[in-house]
Amino acid sequence: RRYIIDVASNHFNAFLKLQDGGGAIVAFDDGGGGARPARVVYTPLQTGNFRLVATSVSPFATGAFTLTVCED
């Protein structure tokens, strides 16, 4: 299955990381400078646990955000 993961915010420039079970980053996106949501499209090669890290490009930036995960 392929997954589409978006993080969007009107308060900060979103940055999204997807990590595998061992903590290695398998995909990431910074939203292109804030003009669009940070988006990761990922097809896992195996089953297991993954971790989403939603943060900001700028240090200490905070605010509300929306996280969306959809199967494609």
N, C-alpha and C. Protein backbone atom coordinates (compact mmCIF):
# COMPACT_ATOMS: atom_id res chain seq x y z
N ARG A 1 0.83 -1.19 0.00
CA ARG A 1 0.00 0.00 0.00
C ARG A 1 0.87 1.24 0.00
N ARG A 2 0.38 2.26 -0.64
CA ARG A 2 1.08 3.55 -0.66
C ARG A 2 0.33 4.51 0.25
N TYR A 3 1.07 5.31 1.00
CA TYR A 3 0.49 6.27 1.94
C TYR A 3 0.88 7.68 1.56
N ILE A 4 -0.07 8.60 1.71
CA ILE A 4 0.18 10.03 1.51
C ILE A 4 0.00 10.69 2.87
N ILE A 5 1.06 11.36 3.32
CA ILE A 5 1.07 11.96 4.66
C ILE A 5 1.34 13.46 4.49
N ASP A 6 0.45 14.29 5.01
CA ASP A 6 0.57 15.74 4.92
C ASP A 6 0.59 16.37 6.30
N VAL A 7 1.42 17.40 6.46
CA VAL A 7 1.40 18.26 7.65
C VAL A 7 1.27 19.69 7.13
N ALA A 8 0.24 20.40 7.60
CA ALA A 8 0.01 21.77 7.17
C ALA A 8 -0.19 22.66 8.38
N SER A 9 0.28 23.90 8.27
CA SER A 9 0.10 24.88 9.35
C SER A 9 0.07 26.28 8.77
N ASN A 10 -0.77 27.11 9.36
CA ASN A 10 -0.79 28.54 9.03
C ASN A 10 0.14 29.32 9.96
N HIS A 11 0.77 28.62 10.92
CA HIS A 11 1.58 29.27 11.94
C HIS A 11 3.08 29.09 11.74
N PHE A 12 3.48 28.08 11.01
CA PHE A 12 4.91 27.83 10.81
C PHE A 12 5.11 27.03 9.53
N ASN A 13 6.34 27.01 9.04
CA ASN A 13 6.71 26.24 7.86
C ASN A 13 6.94 24.79 8.30
N ALA A 14 6.03 23.93 7.92
CA ALA A 14 6.04 22.54 8.39
C ALA A 14 7.18 21.73 7.78
N PHE A 15 7.67 20.79 8.58
CA PHE A 15 8.69 19.83 8.16
C PHE A 15 8.24 18.46 8.65
N LEU A 16 8.27 17.47 7.77
CA LEU A 16 7.79 16.14 8.11
C LEU A 16 8.88 15.11 7.85
N LYS A 17 9.09 14.23 8.82
CA LYS A 17 10.03 13.11 8.67
C LYS A 17 9.28 11.82 8.95
N LEU A 18 9.62 10.79 8.19
CA LEU A 18 9.11 9.44 8.43
C LEU A 18 10.31 8.56 8.75
N GLN A 19 10.25 7.90 9.90
CA GLN A 19 11.34 7.04 10.35
C GLN A 19 10.87 5.59 10.40
N ASP A 20 11.79 4.68 10.10
CA ASP A 20 11.46 3.26 10.23
C ASP A 20 11.60 2.85 11.70
N GLY A 21 11.36 1.57 11.98
CA GLY A 21 11.40 1.07 13.35
C GLY A 21 12.74 1.25 14.04
N GLY A 22 13.81 1.35 13.27
CA GLY A 22 15.14 1.56 13.84
C GLY A 22 15.53 3.01 13.99
N GLY A 23 14.65 3.92 13.58
CA GLY A 23 14.91 5.35 13.70
C GLY A 23 15.54 5.99 12.48
N ALA A 24 15.81 5.21 11.44
CA ALA A 24 16.39 5.77 10.21
C ALA A 24 15.32 6.54 9.45
N ILE A 25 15.68 7.70 8.93
CA ILE A 25 14.75 8.51 8.13
C ILE A 25 14.61 7.85 6.76
N VAL A 26 13.38 7.50 6.41
CA VAL A 26 13.11 6.86 5.12
C VAL A 26 12.49 7.82 4.13
N ALA A 27 11.95 8.95 4.60
CA ALA A 27 11.39 9.98 3.73
C ALA A 27 11.23 11.27 4.53
N PHE A 28 11.28 12.42 3.82
CA PHE A 28 11.07 13.70 4.49
C PHE A 28 10.67 14.75 3.46
N ASP A 29 10.09 15.86 3.95
CA ASP A 29 9.73 16.98 3.09
C ASP A 29 9.58 18.23 3.94
N ASP A 30 9.94 19.39 3.38
CA ASP A 30 9.85 20.65 4.12
C ASP A 30 8.74 21.57 3.60
N GLY A 31 7.91 21.09 2.71
CA GLY A 31 6.80 21.89 2.24
C GLY A 31 7.18 22.96 1.23
N GLY A 32 8.37 22.95 0.73
CA GLY A 32 8.75 23.91 -0.30
C GLY A 32 8.75 25.35 0.15
N GLY A 33 9.18 25.62 1.37
CA GLY A 33 9.24 27.00 1.85
C GLY A 33 7.94 27.52 2.42
N GLY A 34 7.02 26.64 2.74
CA GLY A 34 5.77 27.05 3.37
C GLY A 34 4.64 27.30 2.41
N ALA A 35 4.88 27.19 1.11
CA ALA A 35 3.84 27.44 0.12
C ALA A 35 2.82 26.32 0.04
N ARG A 36 3.18 25.15 0.53
CA ARG A 36 2.29 23.99 0.48
C ARG A 36 2.55 23.14 1.72
N PRO A 37 1.66 22.18 1.99
CA PRO A 37 1.92 21.29 3.13
C PRO A 37 3.19 20.48 2.92
N ALA A 38 3.83 20.10 4.00
CA ALA A 38 4.92 19.12 3.91
C ALA A 38 4.26 17.79 3.59
N ARG A 39 4.74 17.12 2.54
CA ARG A 39 4.09 15.88 2.09
C ARG A 39 5.12 14.78 1.88
N VAL A 40 4.79 13.61 2.40
CA VAL A 40 5.57 12.40 2.15
C VAL A 40 4.63 11.39 1.51
N VAL A 41 5.05 10.85 0.38
CA VAL A 41 4.34 9.74 -0.26
C VAL A 41 5.26 8.54 -0.13
N TYR A 42 4.77 7.48 0.51
CA TYR A 42 5.66 6.37 0.86
C TYR A 42 4.96 5.03 0.69
N THR A 43 5.67 4.11 0.09
CA THR A 43 5.23 2.72 -0.03
C THR A 43 6.20 1.86 0.76
N PRO A 44 5.80 1.36 1.92
CA PRO A 44 6.71 0.52 2.72
C PRO A 44 7.07 -0.76 1.98
N LEU A 45 8.32 -1.16 2.11
CA LEU A 45 8.78 -2.39 1.50
C LEU A 45 8.53 -3.60 2.39
N GLN A 46 8.24 -3.33 3.67
CA GLN A 46 7.95 -4.40 4.61
C GLN A 46 7.03 -3.87 5.70
N THR A 47 6.37 -4.77 6.41
CA THR A 47 5.53 -4.35 7.52
C THR A 47 6.41 -4.00 8.70
N GLY A 48 5.88 -3.21 9.61
CA GLY A 48 6.62 -2.83 10.80
C GLY A 48 6.10 -1.53 11.36
N ASN A 49 6.77 -1.05 12.38
CA ASN A 49 6.42 0.22 13.00
C ASN A 49 7.18 1.35 12.34
N PHE A 50 6.48 2.45 12.14
CA PHE A 50 7.07 3.66 11.60
C PHE A 50 6.71 4.82 12.52
N ARG A 51 7.51 5.87 12.48
CA ARG A 51 7.28 7.03 13.33
C ARG A 51 7.22 8.28 12.45
N LEU A 52 6.16 9.10 12.66
CA LEU A 52 6.04 10.38 11.98
C LEU A 52 6.54 11.47 12.92
N VAL A 53 7.37 12.35 12.41
CA VAL A 53 7.85 13.49 13.18
C VAL A 53 7.39 14.75 12.46
N ALA A 54 6.44 15.45 13.05
CA ALA A 54 5.93 16.71 12.49
C ALA A 54 6.55 17.84 13.29
N THR A 55 7.28 18.71 12.61
CA THR A 55 7.97 19.80 13.29
C THR A 55 7.99 21.02 12.37
N SER A 56 8.84 21.98 12.67
CA SER A 56 8.95 23.18 11.84
C SER A 56 10.37 23.30 11.29
N VAL A 57 10.49 24.00 10.18
CA VAL A 57 11.80 24.26 9.60
C VAL A 57 12.58 25.22 10.50
N SER A 58 11.89 26.23 11.04
CA SER A 58 12.53 27.23 11.91
C SER A 58 12.56 26.76 13.35
N PRO A 59 13.70 26.93 14.01
CA PRO A 59 13.78 26.54 15.43
C PRO A 59 12.78 27.32 16.28
N PHE A 60 12.15 26.65 17.20
CA PHE A 60 11.26 27.23 18.19
C PHE A 60 9.94 27.75 17.63
N ALA A 61 9.64 27.51 16.36
CA ALA A 61 8.34 27.92 15.81
C ALA A 61 7.27 26.95 16.32
N THR A 62 6.15 27.50 16.73
CA THR A 62 5.07 26.67 17.27
C THR A 62 3.74 27.12 16.69
N GLY A 63 2.72 26.34 16.94
CA GLY A 63 1.38 26.69 16.52
C GLY A 63 0.60 25.45 16.13
N ALA A 64 -0.65 25.68 15.78
CA ALA A 64 -1.54 24.60 15.40
C ALA A 64 -1.12 24.03 14.04
N PHE A 65 -1.40 22.74 13.85
CA PHE A 65 -1.14 22.10 12.57
C PHE A 65 -2.13 20.97 12.36
N THR A 66 -2.21 20.52 11.12
CA THR A 66 -3.07 19.41 10.76
C THR A 66 -2.22 18.30 10.18
N LEU A 67 -2.39 17.09 10.68
CA LEU A 67 -1.70 15.91 10.17
C LEU A 67 -2.74 15.01 9.52
N THR A 68 -2.50 14.65 8.26
CA THR A 68 -3.41 13.79 7.52
C THR A 68 -2.64 12.61 6.95
N VAL A 69 -3.18 11.39 7.16
CA VAL A 69 -2.58 10.19 6.61
C VAL A 69 -3.67 9.46 5.83
N CYS A 70 -3.39 9.20 4.54
CA CYS A 70 -4.37 8.53 3.68
C CYS A 70 -3.69 7.40 2.93
N GLU A 71 -4.45 6.32 2.71
CA GLU A 71 -3.98 5.26 1.82
C GLU A 71 -4.33 5.69 0.41
N ASP A 72 -3.41 5.44 -0.51
CA ASP A 72 -3.64 5.81 -1.90
C ASP A 72 -4.01 4.58 -2.71
